[in-house]
C-alpha atoms as a PDB file:
ATOM      1  CA  UNK A   1     -67.593  41.703 -88.183  1.00  0.00           C
ATOM      2  CA  UNK A   2     -69.676  43.478 -85.340  1.00  0.00           C
ATOM      3  CA  UNK A   3     -71.290  40.115 -84.721  1.00  0.00           C
ATOM      4  CA  UNK A   4     -67.769  38.275 -84.831  1.00  0.00           C
ATOM      5  CA  UNK A   5     -66.060  40.304 -82.375  1.00  0.00           C
ATOM      6  CA  UNK A   6     -69.394  40.731 -79.759  1.00  0.00           C
ATOM      7  CA  UNK A   7     -69.283  44.394 -79.888  1.00  0.00           C
ATOM      8  CA  UNK A   8     -71.226  45.865 -76.958  1.00  0.00           C
ATOM      9  CA  UNK A   9     -74.792  47.120 -78.257  1.00  0.00           C
ATOM     10  CA  UNK A  10     -74.007  45.113 -81.641  1.00  0.00           C
ATOM     11  CA  UNK A  11     -74.615  46.447 -85.041  1.00  0.00           C
ATOM     12  CA  UNK A  12     -76.800  49.305 -83.679  1.00  0.00           C
ATOM     13  CA  UNK A  13     -74.331  50.974 -82.119  1.00  0.00           C
ATOM     14  CA  UNK A  14     -71.634  50.774 -84.918  1.00  0.00           C
ATOM     15  CA  UNK A  15     -74.244  51.963 -87.506  1.00  0.00           C
ATOM     16  CA  UNK A  16     -74.433  55.529 -86.925  1.00  0.00           C
ATOM     17  CA  UNK A  17     -70.656  55.822 -87.037  1.00  0.00           C
ATOM     18  CA  UNK A  18     -70.622  53.648 -90.272  1.00  0.00           C
ATOM     19  CA  UNK A  19     -73.650  56.044 -91.938  1.00  0.00           C
ATOM     20  CA  UNK A  20     -71.425  59.225 -91.126  1.00  0.00           C
ATOM     21  CA  UNK A  21     -68.452  57.677 -92.951  1.00  0.00           C
ATOM     22  CA  UNK A  22     -70.767  57.252 -96.040  1.00  0.00           C
ATOM     23  CA  UNK A  23     -71.889  60.562 -95.956  1.00  0.00           C
ATOM     24  CA  UNK A  24     -68.158  61.582 -96.255  1.00  0.00           C
ATOM     25  CA  UNK A  25     -67.086  59.252 -98.869  1.00  0.00           C
ATOM     26  CA  UNK A  26     -64.798  56.993 -96.497  1.00  0.00           C
ATOM     27  CA  UNK A  27     -67.059  53.727 -96.866  1.00  0.00           C
ATOM     28  CA  UNK A  28     -69.913  52.694 -99.518  1.00  0.00           C
ATOM     29  CA  UNK A  29     -72.974  50.955 -98.406  1.00  0.00           C
ATOM     30  CA  UNK A  30     -74.355  48.278-100.636  1.00  0.00           C
ATOM     31  CA  UNK A  31     -75.634  44.525-100.619  1.00  0.00           C
ATOM     32  CA  UNK A  32     -72.109  42.918-101.278  1.00  0.00           C
ATOM     33  CA  UNK A  33     -72.494  39.346 -99.801  1.00  0.00           C
ATOM     34  CA  UNK A  34     -75.088  37.542-100.380  1.00  0.00           C
ATOM     35  CA  UNK A  35     -77.240  36.444 -97.464  1.00  0.00           C
ATOM     36  CA  UNK A  36     -75.971  38.596 -94.885  1.00  0.00           C
ATOM     37  CA  UNK A  37     -78.202  41.601 -93.724  1.00  0.00           C
ATOM     38  CA  UNK A  38     -78.988  44.840 -96.294  1.00  0.00           C
ATOM     39  CA  UNK A  39     -76.807  47.467 -94.221  1.00  0.00           C
ATOM     40  CA  UNK A  40     -73.256  46.123 -95.493  1.00  0.00           C
ATOM     41  CA  UNK A  41     -70.455  48.904 -95.616  1.00  0.00           C
ATOM     42  CA  UNK A  42     -67.133  48.423 -97.359  1.00  0.00           C
ATOM     43  CA  UNK A  43     -64.008  50.718 -98.244  1.00  0.00           C
ATOM     44  CA  UNK A  44     -64.286  51.952-101.769  1.00  0.00           C
ATOM     45  CA  UNK A  45     -61.173  50.090-102.876  1.00  0.00           C
ATOM     46  CA  UNK A  46     -62.839  46.379-101.461  1.00  0.00           C
ATOM     47  CA  UNK A  47     -65.890  47.185-103.296  1.00  0.00           C
ATOM     48  CA  UNK A  48     -63.503  47.673-106.886  1.00  0.00           C
ATOM     49  CA  UNK A  49     -61.815  44.419-105.638  1.00  0.00           C
ATOM     50  CA  UNK A  50     -65.019  42.427-105.187  1.00  0.00           C
ATOM     51  CA  UNK A  51     -66.437  43.579-108.625  1.00  0.00           C
ATOM     52  CA  UNK A  52     -63.382  42.670-110.394  1.00  0.00           C
ATOM     53  CA  UNK A  53     -63.705  39.150-108.572  1.00  0.00           C
ATOM     54  CA  UNK A  54     -67.276  38.516-109.826  1.00  0.00           C
ATOM     55  CA  UNK A  55     -67.346  34.637-110.742  1.00  0.00           C
ATOM     56  CA  UNK A  56     -67.771  33.913-114.593  1.00  0.00           C
ATOM     57  CA  UNK A  57     -71.597  33.884-115.005  1.00  0.00           C
ATOM     58  CA  UNK A  58     -71.006  30.288-117.065  1.00  0.00           C
ATOM     59  CA  UNK A  59     -69.737  28.984-113.392  1.00  0.00           C
ATOM     60  CA  UNK A  60     -66.547  27.885-115.121  1.00  0.00           C
ATOM     61  CA  UNK A  61     -63.352  28.090-113.248  1.00  0.00           C
ATOM     62  CA  UNK A  62     -60.004  29.316-114.025  1.00  0.00           C
ATOM     63  CA  UNK A  63     -57.367  26.753-114.535  1.00  0.00           C
ATOM     64  CA  UNK A  64     -55.053  28.263-112.250  1.00  0.00           C
ATOM     65  CA  UNK A  65     -56.823  28.595-109.041  1.00  0.00           C
ATOM     66  CA  UNK A  66     -56.069  31.257-106.406  1.00  0.00           C
ATOM     67  CA  UNK A  67     -55.413  29.821-103.006  1.00  0.00           C
ATOM     68  CA  UNK A  68     -54.754  31.385 -99.479  1.00  0.00           C
ATOM     69  CA  UNK A  69     -53.607  30.173 -96.802  1.00  0.00           C
ATOM     70  CA  UNK A  70     -55.015  31.341 -93.598  1.00  0.00           C
ATOM     71  CA  UNK A  71     -55.143  30.993 -89.589  1.00  0.00           C
ATOM     72  CA  UNK A  72     -58.499  30.251 -88.894  1.00  0.00           C
ATOM     73  CA  UNK A  73     -58.742  33.245 -86.644  1.00  0.00           C
ATOM     74  CA  UNK A  74     -57.582  35.772 -89.353  1.00  0.00           C
ATOM     75  CA  UNK A  75     -60.072  38.556 -89.816  1.00  0.00           C
ATOM     76  CA  UNK A  76     -59.576  37.799 -93.539  1.00  0.00           C
ATOM     77  CA  UNK A  77     -61.432  34.878 -93.231  1.00  0.00           C
ATOM     78  CA  UNK A  78     -64.927  35.359 -93.068  1.00  0.00           C
ATOM     79  CA  UNK A  79     -66.080  31.868 -92.371  1.00  0.00           C
ATOM     80  CA  UNK A  80     -67.088  30.633 -89.212  1.00  0.00           C
ATOM     81  CA  UNK A  81     -67.974  34.487 -88.141  1.00  0.00           C
ATOM     82  CA  UNK A  82     -69.687  36.275 -90.916  1.00  0.00           C
ATOM     83  CA  UNK A  83     -70.419  33.619 -93.312  1.00  0.00           C
ATOM     84  CA  UNK A  84     -71.286  30.065 -92.423  1.00  0.00           C
ATOM     85  CA  UNK A  85     -68.804  27.330 -93.037  1.00  0.00           C
ATOM     86  CA  UNK A  86     -69.780  25.548 -96.428  1.00  0.00           C
ATOM     87  CA  UNK A  87     -71.817  21.974 -95.727  1.00  0.00           C
ATOM     88  CA  UNK A  88     -71.915  18.821 -97.484  1.00  0.00           C
ATOM     89  CA  UNK A  89     -75.660  19.130 -96.918  1.00  0.00           C
ATOM     90  CA  UNK A  90     -78.088  19.570 -93.688  1.00  0.00           C
ATOM     91  CA  UNK A  91     -76.825  16.650 -91.867  1.00  0.00           C
ATOM     92  CA  UNK A  92     -73.318  17.476 -91.859  1.00  0.00           C
ATOM     93  CA  UNK A  93     -72.707  18.984 -88.264  1.00  0.00           C
ATOM     94  CA  UNK A  94     -68.793  18.882 -88.332  1.00  0.00           C
ATOM     95  CA  UNK A  95     -67.879  21.566 -85.718  1.00  0.00           C
ATOM     96  CA  UNK A  96     -65.369  23.924 -87.257  1.00  0.00           C
ATOM     97  CA  UNK A  97     -63.887  26.395 -84.958  1.00  0.00           C
ATOM     98  CA  UNK A  98     -62.040  29.672 -85.626  1.00  0.00           C
ATOM     99  CA  UNK A  99     -59.372  28.432 -82.930  1.00  0.00           C
ATOM    100  CA  UNK A 100     -55.585  29.648 -82.781  1.00  0.00           C
ATOM    101  CA  UNK A 101     -53.630  26.904 -84.325  1.00  0.00           C
ATOM    102  CA  UNK A 102     -56.194  25.824 -86.911  1.00  0.00           C
ATOM    103  CA  UNK A 103     -55.983  26.880 -90.567  1.00  0.00           C
ATOM    104  CA  UNK A 104     -58.072  27.091 -93.473  1.00  0.00           C
ATOM    105  CA  UNK A 105     -57.188  27.237 -97.211  1.00  0.00           C
ATOM    106  CA  UNK A 106     -59.423  29.071 -99.728  1.00  0.00           C
ATOM    107  CA  UNK A 107     -59.526  28.213-103.245  1.00  0.00           C
ATOM    108  CA  UNK A 108     -60.756  30.873-105.369  1.00  0.00           C
ATOM    109  CA  UNK A 109     -62.375  32.413-102.465  1.00  0.00           C
ATOM    110  CA  UNK A 110     -64.187  29.391-101.129  1.00  0.00           C
ATOM    111  CA  UNK A 111     -62.840  26.783 -98.177  1.00  0.00           C
ATOM    112  CA  UNK A 112     -61.452  23.982 -99.136  1.00  0.00           C
ATOM    113  CA  UNK A 113     -59.960  22.333 -96.447  1.00  0.00           C
ATOM    114  CA  UNK A 114     -59.368  22.768 -92.620  1.00  0.00           C
ATOM    115  CA  UNK A 115     -56.545  22.082 -90.621  1.00  0.00           C
ATOM    116  CA  UNK A 116     -57.832  21.444 -86.921  1.00  0.00           C
ATOM    117  CA  UNK A 117     -55.412  23.087 -84.140  1.00  0.00           C
ATOM    118  CA  UNK A 118     -52.710  20.306 -83.794  1.00  0.00           C
ATOM    119  CA  UNK A 119     -52.504  19.850 -87.461  1.00  0.00           C
ATOM    120  CA  UNK A 120     -53.778  15.974 -87.339  1.00  0.00           C
ATOM    121  CA  UNK A 121     -57.362  16.502 -88.727  1.00  0.00           C
ATOM    122  CA  UNK A 122     -57.981  17.490 -91.965  1.00  0.00           C
ATOM    123  CA  UNK A 123     -61.504  18.488 -92.972  1.00  0.00           C
ATOM    124  CA  UNK A 124     -62.768  18.905 -96.364  1.00  0.00           C
ATOM    125  CA  UNK A 125     -65.103  21.281 -97.921  1.00  0.00           C
ATOM    126  CA  UNK A 126     -67.685  20.788-101.058  1.00  0.00           C
ATOM    127  CA  UNK A 127     -65.110  22.969-103.221  1.00  0.00           C
ATOM    128  CA  UNK A 128     -62.382  20.069-102.540  1.00  0.00           C
ATOM    129  CA  UNK A 129     -64.369  17.436-103.642  1.00  0.00           C
ATOM    130  CA  UNK A 130     -66.077  19.223-106.515  1.00  0.00           C
ATOM    131  CA  UNK A 131     -62.635  19.292-108.489  1.00  0.00           C
ATOM    132  CA  UNK A 132     -59.198  17.434-108.531  1.00  0.00           C
ATOM    133  CA  UNK A 133     -57.427  20.757-109.337  1.00  0.00           C
ATOM    134  CA  UNK A 134     -58.938  22.383-106.375  1.00  0.00           C
ATOM    135  CA  UNK A 135     -58.196  19.666-104.072  1.00  0.00           C
ATOM    136  CA  UNK A 136     -54.279  19.910-105.317  1.00  0.00           C
ATOM    137  CA  UNK A 137     -54.176  23.518-104.971  1.00  0.00           C
ATOM    138  CA  UNK A 138     -55.600  23.150-101.377  1.00  0.00           C
ATOM    139  CA  UNK A 139     -53.087  20.634-100.593  1.00  0.00           C
ATOM    140  CA  UNK A 140     -50.091  22.216-102.106  1.00  0.00           C
ATOM    141  CA  UNK A 141     -51.009  25.515-100.075  1.00  0.00           C
ATOM    142  CA  UNK A 142     -50.980  23.484 -96.926  1.00  0.00           C
ATOM    143  CA  UNK A 143     -47.682  22.230 -97.324  1.00  0.00           C
ATOM    144  CA  UNK A 144     -46.658  25.947 -97.180  1.00  0.00           C
ATOM    145  CA  UNK A 145     -46.903  25.813 -93.589  1.00  0.00           C
ATOM    146  CA  UNK A 146     -43.761  23.675 -93.519  1.00  0.00           C
ATOM    147  CA  UNK A 147     -42.184  26.594 -95.849  1.00  0.00           C
ATOM    148  CA  UNK A 148     -41.501  29.491 -93.427  1.00  0.00           C
ATOM    149  CA  UNK A 149     -40.677  26.862 -90.508  1.00  0.00           C
ATOM    150  CA  UNK A 150     -44.207  27.372 -88.607  1.00  0.00           C
ATOM    151  CA  UNK A 151     -44.271  23.701 -88.739  1.00  0.00           C
ATOM    152  CA  UNK A 152     -41.461  21.002 -89.156  1.00  0.00           C
ATOM    153  CA  UNK A 153     -43.866  18.610 -90.820  1.00  0.00           C
ATOM    154  CA  UNK A 154     -47.300  17.966 -91.297  1.00  0.00           C
ATOM    155  CA  UNK A 155     -48.669  14.634 -89.705  1.00  0.00           C
ATOM    156  CA  UNK A 156     -52.528  14.066 -91.196  1.00  0.00           C
ATOM    157  CA  UNK A 157     -53.722  11.185 -88.861  1.00  0.00           C
ATOM    158  CA  UNK A 158     -57.899  11.851 -89.958  1.00  0.00           C
ATOM    159  CA  UNK A 159     -59.780  13.063 -92.701  1.00  0.00           C
ATOM    160  CA  UNK A 160     -62.920  13.941 -92.691  1.00  0.00           C
ATOM    161  CA  UNK A 161     -63.300  11.676 -89.661  1.00  0.00           C
ATOM    162  CA  UNK A 162     -61.970   8.788 -91.068  1.00  0.00           C
ATOM    163  CA  UNK A 163     -58.273   7.445 -90.913  1.00  0.00           C
ATOM    164  CA  UNK A 164     -56.043   9.081 -93.599  1.00  0.00           C
ATOM    165  CA  UNK A 165     -54.586   5.713 -94.667  1.00  0.00           C
ATOM    166  CA  UNK A 166     -58.246   4.637 -95.646  1.00  0.00           C
ATOM    167  CA  UNK A 167     -59.479   8.005 -96.640  1.00  0.00           C
ATOM    168  CA  UNK A 168     -60.738   8.387-100.444  1.00  0.00           C
ATOM    169  CA  UNK A 169     -58.360  11.426-100.432  1.00  0.00           C
ATOM    170  CA  UNK A 170     -55.244   9.467 -99.715  1.00  0.00           C
ATOM    171  CA  UNK A 171     -54.095   9.697-103.448  1.00  0.00           C
ATOM    172  CA  UNK A 172     -54.538  13.451-103.375  1.00  0.00           C
ATOM    173  CA  UNK A 173     -52.410  13.657-100.259  1.00  0.00           C
ATOM    174  CA  UNK A 174     -49.619  11.576-101.995  1.00  0.00           C
ATOM    175  CA  UNK A 175     -49.794  13.472-105.165  1.00  0.00           C
ATOM    176  CA  UNK A 176     -49.301  16.710-103.285  1.00  0.00           C
ATOM    177  CA  UNK A 177     -46.097  15.023-101.798  1.00  0.00           C
ATOM    178  CA  UNK A 178     -47.133  13.206 -98.568  1.00  0.00           C
ATOM    179  CA  UNK A 179     -45.933   9.832 -97.517  1.00  0.00           C
ATOM    180  CA  UNK A 180     -47.261   7.144 -95.578  1.00  0.00           C
ATOM    181  CA  UNK A 181     -46.502   7.077 -92.094  1.00  0.00           C
ATOM    182  CA  UNK A 182     -46.804   4.947 -88.669  1.00  0.00           C
ATOM    183  CA  UNK A 183     -49.815   7.448 -87.945  1.00  0.00           C
ATOM    184  CA  UNK A 184     -51.296   8.680 -91.147  1.00  0.00           C
ATOM    185  CA  UNK A 185     -50.111  10.494 -94.013  1.00  0.00           C
ATOM    186  CA  UNK A 186     -46.974  12.760 -93.569  1.00  0.00           C
ATOM    187  CA  UNK A 187     -45.170  15.845 -95.189  1.00  0.00           C
ATOM    188  CA  UNK A 188     -41.925  16.885 -94.082  1.00  0.00           C
ATOM    189  CA  UNK A 189     -40.009  19.686 -95.103  1.00  0.00           C
ATOM    190  CA  UNK A 190     -37.162  18.642 -97.322  1.00  0.00           C
ATOM    191  CA  UNK A 191     -33.688  17.955 -95.771  1.00  0.00           C
ATOM    192  CA  UNK A 192     -31.152  20.801 -95.453  1.00  0.00           C
ATOM    193  CA  UNK A 193     -33.943  23.438 -94.962  1.00  0.00           C
ATOM    194  CA  UNK A 194     -37.295  24.901 -96.102  1.00  0.00           C
ATOM    195  CA  UNK A 195     -38.682  24.821 -99.536  1.00  0.00           C
END
């Protein structure tokens, strides 16, 4: 979080405060997130929740994935700030910004889809491609943008750089309620109000 917020002086300025909070029992120090530095701090409740959410050692997913639709800039979204966006390989150089108006859907804590600012372009992540149930859960969560009136409709014109009408993910969009439209695939809030 310190790096993402560009705190003057960096982590060195914040570390003494966190150390004092640890000595008073307000935070815990540990190695909570793989790939980050060794000096990590978290609230005790957050540590307990992380332990409770540990992945099944067999690597199997639950049948009912937990989805979370977040603004890309939301502090609850660690991707693009603290954690790097998952990539399909070393040659995957897509620019995925933490921009106002962009959204990300996390499925079981992993990014599945990223909706660019303006809602016209959709980017998928390895979790989306790995499982049809994750893909469906992510797309259903994305349609929630029409539930509370944030958007009247979703008009997806491109998916992973390809026209949505010719994308290999077109069938997944159709299964989630998207319809072919003039400029791609569209999801509209039901007539007479929100869902």
